[in-house]
All heavy atoms as atom14 arrays in JSON, in Angstrom:
{
  "sequence": "VLDEPEEGEARLFIDTNGDGDLTKDPATEWT",
  "atom14_mask": [
    [1, 1, 1, 1, 1, 1, 1, 0, 0, 0, 0, 0, 0, 0],
    [1, 1, 1, 1, 1, 1, 1, 1, 0, 0, 0, 0, 0, 0],
    [1, 1, 1, 1, 1, 1, 1, 1, 0, 0, 0, 0, 0, 0],
    [1, 1, 1, 1, 1, 1, 1, 1, 1, 0, 0, 0, 0, 0],
    [1, 1, 1, 1, 1, 1, 1, 0, 0, 0, 0, 0, 0, 0],
    [1, 1, 1, 1, 1, 1, 1, 1, 1, 0, 0, 0, 0, 0],
    [1, 1, 1, 1, 1, 1, 1, 1, 1, 0, 0, 0, 0, 0],
    [1, 1, 1, 1, 0, 0, 0, 0, 0, 0, 0, 0, 0, 0],
    [1, 1, 1, 1, 1, 1, 1, 1, 1, 0, 0, 0, 0, 0],
    [1, 1, 1, 1, 1, 0, 0, 0, 0, 0, 0, 0, 0, 0],
    [1, 1, 1, 1, 1, 1, 1, 1, 1, 1, 1, 0, 0, 0],
    [1, 1, 1, 1, 1, 1, 1, 1, 0, 0, 0, 0, 0, 0],
    [1, 1, 1, 1, 1, 1, 1, 1, 1, 1, 1, 0, 0, 0],
    [1, 1, 1, 1, 1, 1, 1, 1, 0, 0, 0, 0, 0, 0],
    [1, 1, 1, 1, 1, 1, 1, 1, 0, 0, 0, 0, 0, 0],
    [1, 1, 1, 1, 1, 1, 1, 0, 0, 0, 0, 0, 0, 0],
    [1, 1, 1, 1, 1, 1, 1, 1, 0, 0, 0, 0, 0, 0],
    [1, 1, 1, 1, 0, 0, 0, 0, 0, 0, 0, 0, 0, 0],
    [1, 1, 1, 1, 1, 1, 1, 1, 0, 0, 0, 0, 0, 0],
    [1, 1, 1, 1, 0, 0, 0, 0, 0, 0, 0, 0, 0, 0],
    [1, 1, 1, 1, 1, 1, 1, 1, 0, 0, 0, 0, 0, 0],
    [1, 1, 1, 1, 1, 1, 1, 1, 0, 0, 0, 0, 0, 0],
    [1, 1, 1, 1, 1, 1, 1, 0, 0, 0, 0, 0, 0, 0],
    [1, 1, 1, 1, 1, 1, 1, 1, 1, 0, 0, 0, 0, 0],
    [1, 1, 1, 1, 1, 1, 1, 1, 0, 0, 0, 0, 0, 0],
    [1, 1, 1, 1, 1, 1, 1, 0, 0, 0, 0, 0, 0, 0],
    [1, 1, 1, 1, 1, 0, 0, 0, 0, 0, 0, 0, 0, 0],
    [1, 1, 1, 1, 1, 1, 1, 0, 0, 0, 0, 0, 0, 0],
    [1, 1, 1, 1, 1, 1, 1, 1, 1, 0, 0, 0, 0, 0],
    [1, 1, 1, 1, 1, 1, 1, 1, 1, 1, 1, 1, 1, 1],
    [1, 1, 1, 1, 1, 1, 1, 0, 0, 0, 0, 0, 0, 0]
  ],
  "atom14_positions": [
    [[36.3, 58.9, 52.47], [35.54, 57.67, 52.57], [36.52, 56.59, 52.01], [36.94, 56.7, 50.87], [34.22, 57.66, 51.78], [33.54, 56.31, 51.95], [33.31, 58.78, 52.37], [0.0, 0.0, 0.0], [0.0, 0.0, 0.0], [0.0, 0.0, 0.0], [0.0, 0.0, 0.0], [0.0, 0.0, 0.0], [0.0, 0.0, 0.0], [0.0, 0.0, 0.0]],
    [[36.7, 55.54, 52.85], [37.43, 54.39, 52.33], [36.41, 53.28, 52.21], [35.78, 52.84, 53.16], [38.51, 53.95, 53.36], [39.25, 52.71, 52.96], [40.05, 52.87, 51.66], [40.2, 52.3, 54.12], [0.0, 0.0, 0.0], [0.0, 0.0, 0.0], [0.0, 0.0, 0.0], [0.0, 0.0, 0.0], [0.0, 0.0, 0.0], [0.0, 0.0, 0.0]],
    [[36.2, 52.86, 50.96], [35.29, 51.77, 50.66], [36.17, 50.49, 50.63], [36.94, 50.27, 49.72], [34.6, 51.97, 49.35], [33.47, 51.0, 49.12], [32.94, 50.39, 50.03], [33.09, 50.75, 47.92], [0.0, 0.0, 0.0], [0.0, 0.0, 0.0], [0.0, 0.0, 0.0], [0.0, 0.0, 0.0], [0.0, 0.0, 0.0], [0.0, 0.0, 0.0]],
    [[35.99, 49.67, 51.63], [36.94, 48.5, 51.82], [36.16, 47.23, 51.92], [35.99, 46.71, 53.03], [37.76, 48.81, 53.04], [38.96, 47.98, 53.22], [39.83, 48.44, 54.34], [39.34, 48.71, 55.48], [41.05, 48.6, 54.15], [0.0, 0.0, 0.0], [0.0, 0.0, 0.0], [0.0, 0.0, 0.0], [0.0, 0.0, 0.0], [0.0, 0.0, 0.0]],
    [[35.63, 46.68, 50.8], [34.89, 45.43, 50.9], [35.84, 44.26, 51.26], [37.03, 44.31, 50.93], [34.28, 45.3, 49.49], [35.23, 46.1, 48.63], [35.77, 47.17, 49.49], [0.0, 0.0, 0.0], [0.0, 0.0, 0.0], [0.0, 0.0, 0.0], [0.0, 0.0, 0.0], [0.0, 0.0, 0.0], [0.0, 0.0, 0.0], [0.0, 0.0, 0.0]],
    [[35.22, 43.2, 51.8], [36.02, 42.04, 52.14], [36.56, 41.38, 50.83], [37.63, 40.83, 50.83], [35.21, 41.02, 52.96], [35.04, 41.52, 54.38], [34.45, 40.47, 55.3], [34.76, 39.27, 55.09], [33.76, 40.87, 56.23], [0.0, 0.0, 0.0], [0.0, 0.0, 0.0], [0.0, 0.0, 0.0], [0.0, 0.0, 0.0], [0.0, 0.0, 0.0]],
    [[35.76, 41.39, 49.79], [36.18, 40.85, 48.51], [36.34, 42.04, 47.52], [35.51, 42.87, 47.43], [35.16, 39.89, 48.02], [34.93, 38.67, 48.84], [36.15, 37.74, 48.92], [36.86, 37.59, 47.89], [36.47, 37.24, 49.96], [0.0, 0.0, 0.0], [0.0, 0.0, 0.0], [0.0, 0.0, 0.0], [0.0, 0.0, 0.0], [0.0, 0.0, 0.0]],
    [[37.39, 42.0, 46.74], [37.56, 43.1, 45.74], [38.49, 44.16, 46.21], [39.02, 44.14, 47.34], [0.0, 0.0, 0.0], [0.0, 0.0, 0.0], [0.0, 0.0, 0.0], [0.0, 0.0, 0.0], [0.0, 0.0, 0.0], [0.0, 0.0, 0.0], [0.0, 0.0, 0.0], [0.0, 0.0, 0.0], [0.0, 0.0, 0.0], [0.0, 0.0, 0.0]],
    [[38.72, 45.13, 45.31], [39.64, 46.2, 45.53], [39.01, 47.33, 46.51], [37.84, 47.65, 46.28], [40.09, 46.83, 44.32], [40.9, 45.94, 43.4], [42.3, 45.7, 43.97], [42.96, 46.72, 44.38], [42.74, 44.52, 44.04], [0.0, 0.0, 0.0], [0.0, 0.0, 0.0], [0.0, 0.0, 0.0], [0.0, 0.0, 0.0], [0.0, 0.0, 0.0]],
    [[39.85, 47.84, 47.35], [39.45, 48.98, 48.14], [39.49, 50.28, 47.29], [40.3, 50.38, 46.34], [40.29, 49.14, 49.38], [0.0, 0.0, 0.0], [0.0, 0.0, 0.0], [0.0, 0.0, 0.0], [0.0, 0.0, 0.0], [0.0, 0.0, 0.0], [0.0, 0.0, 0.0], [0.0, 0.0, 0.0], [0.0, 0.0, 0.0], [0.0, 0.0, 0.0]],
    [[38.68, 51.25, 47.64], [38.76, 52.52, 46.94], [38.69, 53.68, 47.99], [38.06, 53.55, 49.01], [37.49, 52.67, 45.99], [37.48, 51.61, 44.92], [36.27, 51.69, 44.11], [35.03, 51.6, 44.91], [33.87, 52.16, 44.64], [33.67, 52.9, 43.55], [32.86, 52.05, 45.42], [0.0, 0.0, 0.0], [0.0, 0.0, 0.0], [0.0, 0.0, 0.0]],
    [[39.36, 54.78, 47.64], [39.46, 55.87, 48.56], [38.94, 57.14, 47.87], [39.29, 57.4, 46.71], [40.94, 56.13, 49.02], [41.14, 57.28, 49.95], [40.45, 57.12, 51.27], [42.62, 57.53, 50.11], [0.0, 0.0, 0.0], [0.0, 0.0, 0.0], [0.0, 0.0, 0.0], [0.0, 0.0, 0.0], [0.0, 0.0, 0.0], [0.0, 0.0, 0.0]],
    [[38.08, 57.88, 48.55], [37.51, 59.12, 48.0], [37.86, 60.25, 48.97], [37.66, 60.06, 50.23], [35.99, 59.02, 47.89], [35.59, 57.88, 47.0], [35.36, 56.61, 47.56], [35.42, 58.05, 45.62], [34.96, 55.55, 46.71], [35.01, 57.01, 44.82], [34.81, 55.76, 45.37], [0.0, 0.0, 0.0], [0.0, 0.0, 0.0], [0.0, 0.0, 0.0]],
    [[38.31, 61.35, 48.5], [38.66, 62.52, 49.35], [37.82, 63.71, 48.87], [37.72, 64.0, 47.66], [40.17, 62.9, 49.24], [41.0, 61.72, 49.75], [40.45, 64.17, 49.99], [42.5, 61.9, 49.52], [0.0, 0.0, 0.0], [0.0, 0.0, 0.0], [0.0, 0.0, 0.0], [0.0, 0.0, 0.0], [0.0, 0.0, 0.0], [0.0, 0.0, 0.0]],
    [[37.28, 64.43, 49.79], [36.5, 65.64, 49.52], [37.49, 66.83, 49.34], [37.76, 67.59, 50.21], [35.49, 65.94, 50.64], [34.57, 67.1, 50.32], [34.52, 67.49, 49.15], [33.89, 67.55, 51.26], [0.0, 0.0, 0.0], [0.0, 0.0, 0.0], [0.0, 0.0, 0.0], [0.0, 0.0, 0.0], [0.0, 0.0, 0.0], [0.0, 0.0, 0.0]],
    [[38.11, 66.84, 48.19], [39.16, 67.78, 47.87], [38.8, 69.23, 48.19], [39.59, 69.94, 48.81], [39.58, 67.7, 46.33], [40.06, 66.36, 46.12], [40.7, 68.7, 45.98], [0.0, 0.0, 0.0], [0.0, 0.0, 0.0], [0.0, 0.0, 0.0], [0.0, 0.0, 0.0], [0.0, 0.0, 0.0], [0.0, 0.0, 0.0], [0.0, 0.0, 0.0]],
    [[37.62, 69.66, 47.75], [37.25, 71.09, 47.93], [36.43, 71.33, 49.17], [36.02, 72.45, 49.44], [36.47, 71.58, 46.69], [35.22, 70.73, 46.41], [34.8, 69.91, 47.2], [34.64, 70.97, 45.2], [0.0, 0.0, 0.0], [0.0, 0.0, 0.0], [0.0, 0.0, 0.0], [0.0, 0.0, 0.0], [0.0, 0.0, 0.0], [0.0, 0.0, 0.0]],
    [[36.17, 70.3, 49.97], [35.49, 70.49, 51.25], [34.05, 70.82, 51.18], [33.45, 71.34, 52.14], [0.0, 0.0, 0.0], [0.0, 0.0, 0.0], [0.0, 0.0, 0.0], [0.0, 0.0, 0.0], [0.0, 0.0, 0.0], [0.0, 0.0, 0.0], [0.0, 0.0, 0.0], [0.0, 0.0, 0.0], [0.0, 0.0, 0.0], [0.0, 0.0, 0.0]],
    [[33.34, 70.54, 50.02], [31.94, 70.94, 49.91], [30.97, 69.73, 50.3], [29.83, 69.89, 50.26], [31.62, 71.37, 48.48], [31.67, 70.31, 47.48], [32.09, 69.12, 47.75], [31.36, 70.55, 46.29], [0.0, 0.0, 0.0], [0.0, 0.0, 0.0], [0.0, 0.0, 0.0], [0.0, 0.0, 0.0], [0.0, 0.0, 0.0], [0.0, 0.0, 0.0]],
    [[31.52, 68.6, 50.66], [30.67, 67.5, 51.09], [30.21, 66.59, 49.95], [29.6, 65.5, 50.26], [0.0, 0.0, 0.0], [0.0, 0.0, 0.0], [0.0, 0.0, 0.0], [0.0, 0.0, 0.0], [0.0, 0.0, 0.0], [0.0, 0.0, 0.0], [0.0, 0.0, 0.0], [0.0, 0.0, 0.0], [0.0, 0.0, 0.0], [0.0, 0.0, 0.0]],
    [[30.43, 66.99, 48.75], [30.04, 66.23, 47.57], [31.21, 65.41, 47.04], [32.12, 66.05, 46.42], [29.45, 67.12, 46.5], [28.87, 66.41, 45.29], [29.18, 65.19, 45.12], [28.18, 67.0, 44.49], [0.0, 0.0, 0.0], [0.0, 0.0, 0.0], [0.0, 0.0, 0.0], [0.0, 0.0, 0.0], [0.0, 0.0, 0.0], [0.0, 0.0, 0.0]],
    [[31.26, 64.15, 47.27], [32.41, 63.32, 46.82], [32.23, 62.84, 45.33], [33.07, 62.08, 44.86], [32.55, 62.09, 47.76], [32.99, 62.42, 49.13], [32.98, 61.16, 50.01], [34.34, 63.13, 49.17], [0.0, 0.0, 0.0], [0.0, 0.0, 0.0], [0.0, 0.0, 0.0], [0.0, 0.0, 0.0], [0.0, 0.0, 0.0], [0.0, 0.0, 0.0]],
    [[31.17, 63.27, 44.61], [31.01, 62.82, 43.26], [31.68, 63.76, 42.29], [31.69, 63.42, 41.1], [29.54, 62.71, 42.92], [28.9, 64.02, 43.03], [28.83, 61.72, 43.89], [0.0, 0.0, 0.0], [0.0, 0.0, 0.0], [0.0, 0.0, 0.0], [0.0, 0.0, 0.0], [0.0, 0.0, 0.0], [0.0, 0.0, 0.0], [0.0, 0.0, 0.0]],
    [[32.23, 64.89, 42.68], [32.82, 65.84, 41.77], [34.26, 66.21, 42.09], [34.7, 67.29, 41.7], [31.9, 67.03, 41.56], [31.63, 67.78, 42.84], [30.59, 68.94, 42.56], [30.4, 69.74, 43.83], [29.49, 70.82, 43.61], [0.0, 0.0, 0.0], [0.0, 0.0, 0.0], [0.0, 0.0, 0.0], [0.0, 0.0, 0.0], [0.0, 0.0, 0.0]],
    [[34.92, 65.4, 42.86], [36.26, 65.64, 43.21], [37.26, 64.84, 42.32], [36.82, 63.83, 41.76], [36.53, 65.27, 44.7], [35.77, 66.15, 45.67], [36.06, 67.38, 45.72], [34.82, 65.68, 46.3], [0.0, 0.0, 0.0], [0.0, 0.0, 0.0], [0.0, 0.0, 0.0], [0.0, 0.0, 0.0], [0.0, 0.0, 0.0], [0.0, 0.0, 0.0]],
    [[38.48, 65.23, 42.24], [39.42, 64.46, 41.44], [39.57, 63.05, 41.97], [39.45, 62.81, 43.16], [40.72, 65.24, 41.61], [40.44, 66.54, 42.11], [39.14, 66.41, 42.87], [0.0, 0.0, 0.0], [0.0, 0.0, 0.0], [0.0, 0.0, 0.0], [0.0, 0.0, 0.0], [0.0, 0.0, 0.0], [0.0, 0.0, 0.0], [0.0, 0.0, 0.0]],
    [[39.75, 62.12, 41.04], [39.95, 60.73, 41.46], [41.23, 60.6, 42.3], [42.19, 61.24, 42.07], [40.06, 59.82, 40.21], [0.0, 0.0, 0.0], [0.0, 0.0, 0.0], [0.0, 0.0, 0.0], [0.0, 0.0, 0.0], [0.0, 0.0, 0.0], [0.0, 0.0, 0.0], [0.0, 0.0, 0.0], [0.0, 0.0, 0.0], [0.0, 0.0, 0.0]],
    [[41.13, 59.72, 43.28], [42.27, 59.44, 44.13], [42.95, 58.12, 43.59], [42.23, 57.16, 43.29], [41.77, 59.16, 45.55], [41.09, 60.29, 46.05], [42.96, 58.83, 46.49], [0.0, 0.0, 0.0], [0.0, 0.0, 0.0], [0.0, 0.0, 0.0], [0.0, 0.0, 0.0], [0.0, 0.0, 0.0], [0.0, 0.0, 0.0], [0.0, 0.0, 0.0]],
    [[44.24, 58.15, 43.49], [45.02, 56.96, 43.14], [45.01, 56.08, 44.4], [45.37, 56.54, 45.47], [46.46, 57.32, 42.77], [46.57, 58.15, 41.56], [48.0, 58.53, 41.27], [48.96, 57.79, 41.69], [48.26, 59.6, 40.71], [0.0, 0.0, 0.0], [0.0, 0.0, 0.0], [0.0, 0.0, 0.0], [0.0, 0.0, 0.0], [0.0, 0.0, 0.0]],
    [[44.62, 54.78, 44.27], [44.59, 53.89, 45.43], [44.83, 52.49, 44.93], [43.95, 51.91, 44.28], [43.23, 54.07, 46.09], [43.19, 53.5, 47.51], [42.37, 52.51, 47.95], [43.96, 53.96, 48.62], [42.6, 52.29, 49.31], [43.51, 53.2, 49.73], [44.93, 54.89, 48.88], [44.11, 53.36, 50.99], [45.49, 55.06, 50.09], [45.06, 54.26, 51.14]],
    [[46.01, 51.92, 45.17], [46.4, 50.58, 44.62], [46.79, 49.7, 45.75], [47.58, 50.09, 46.62], [47.54, 50.79, 43.62], [47.15, 51.79, 42.7], [47.89, 49.54, 42.91], [0.0, 0.0, 0.0], [0.0, 0.0, 0.0], [0.0, 0.0, 0.0], [0.0, 0.0, 0.0], [0.0, 0.0, 0.0], [0.0, 0.0, 0.0], [0.0, 0.0, 0.0]]
  ]
}
């Protein structure tokens, strides 16, 4: 999931383990 608001910083989330839960995966570096 790429959260890309018009104002502010974008954030990227990857489902590292493939379980569908993006709240317990390692943080993605996104600058």
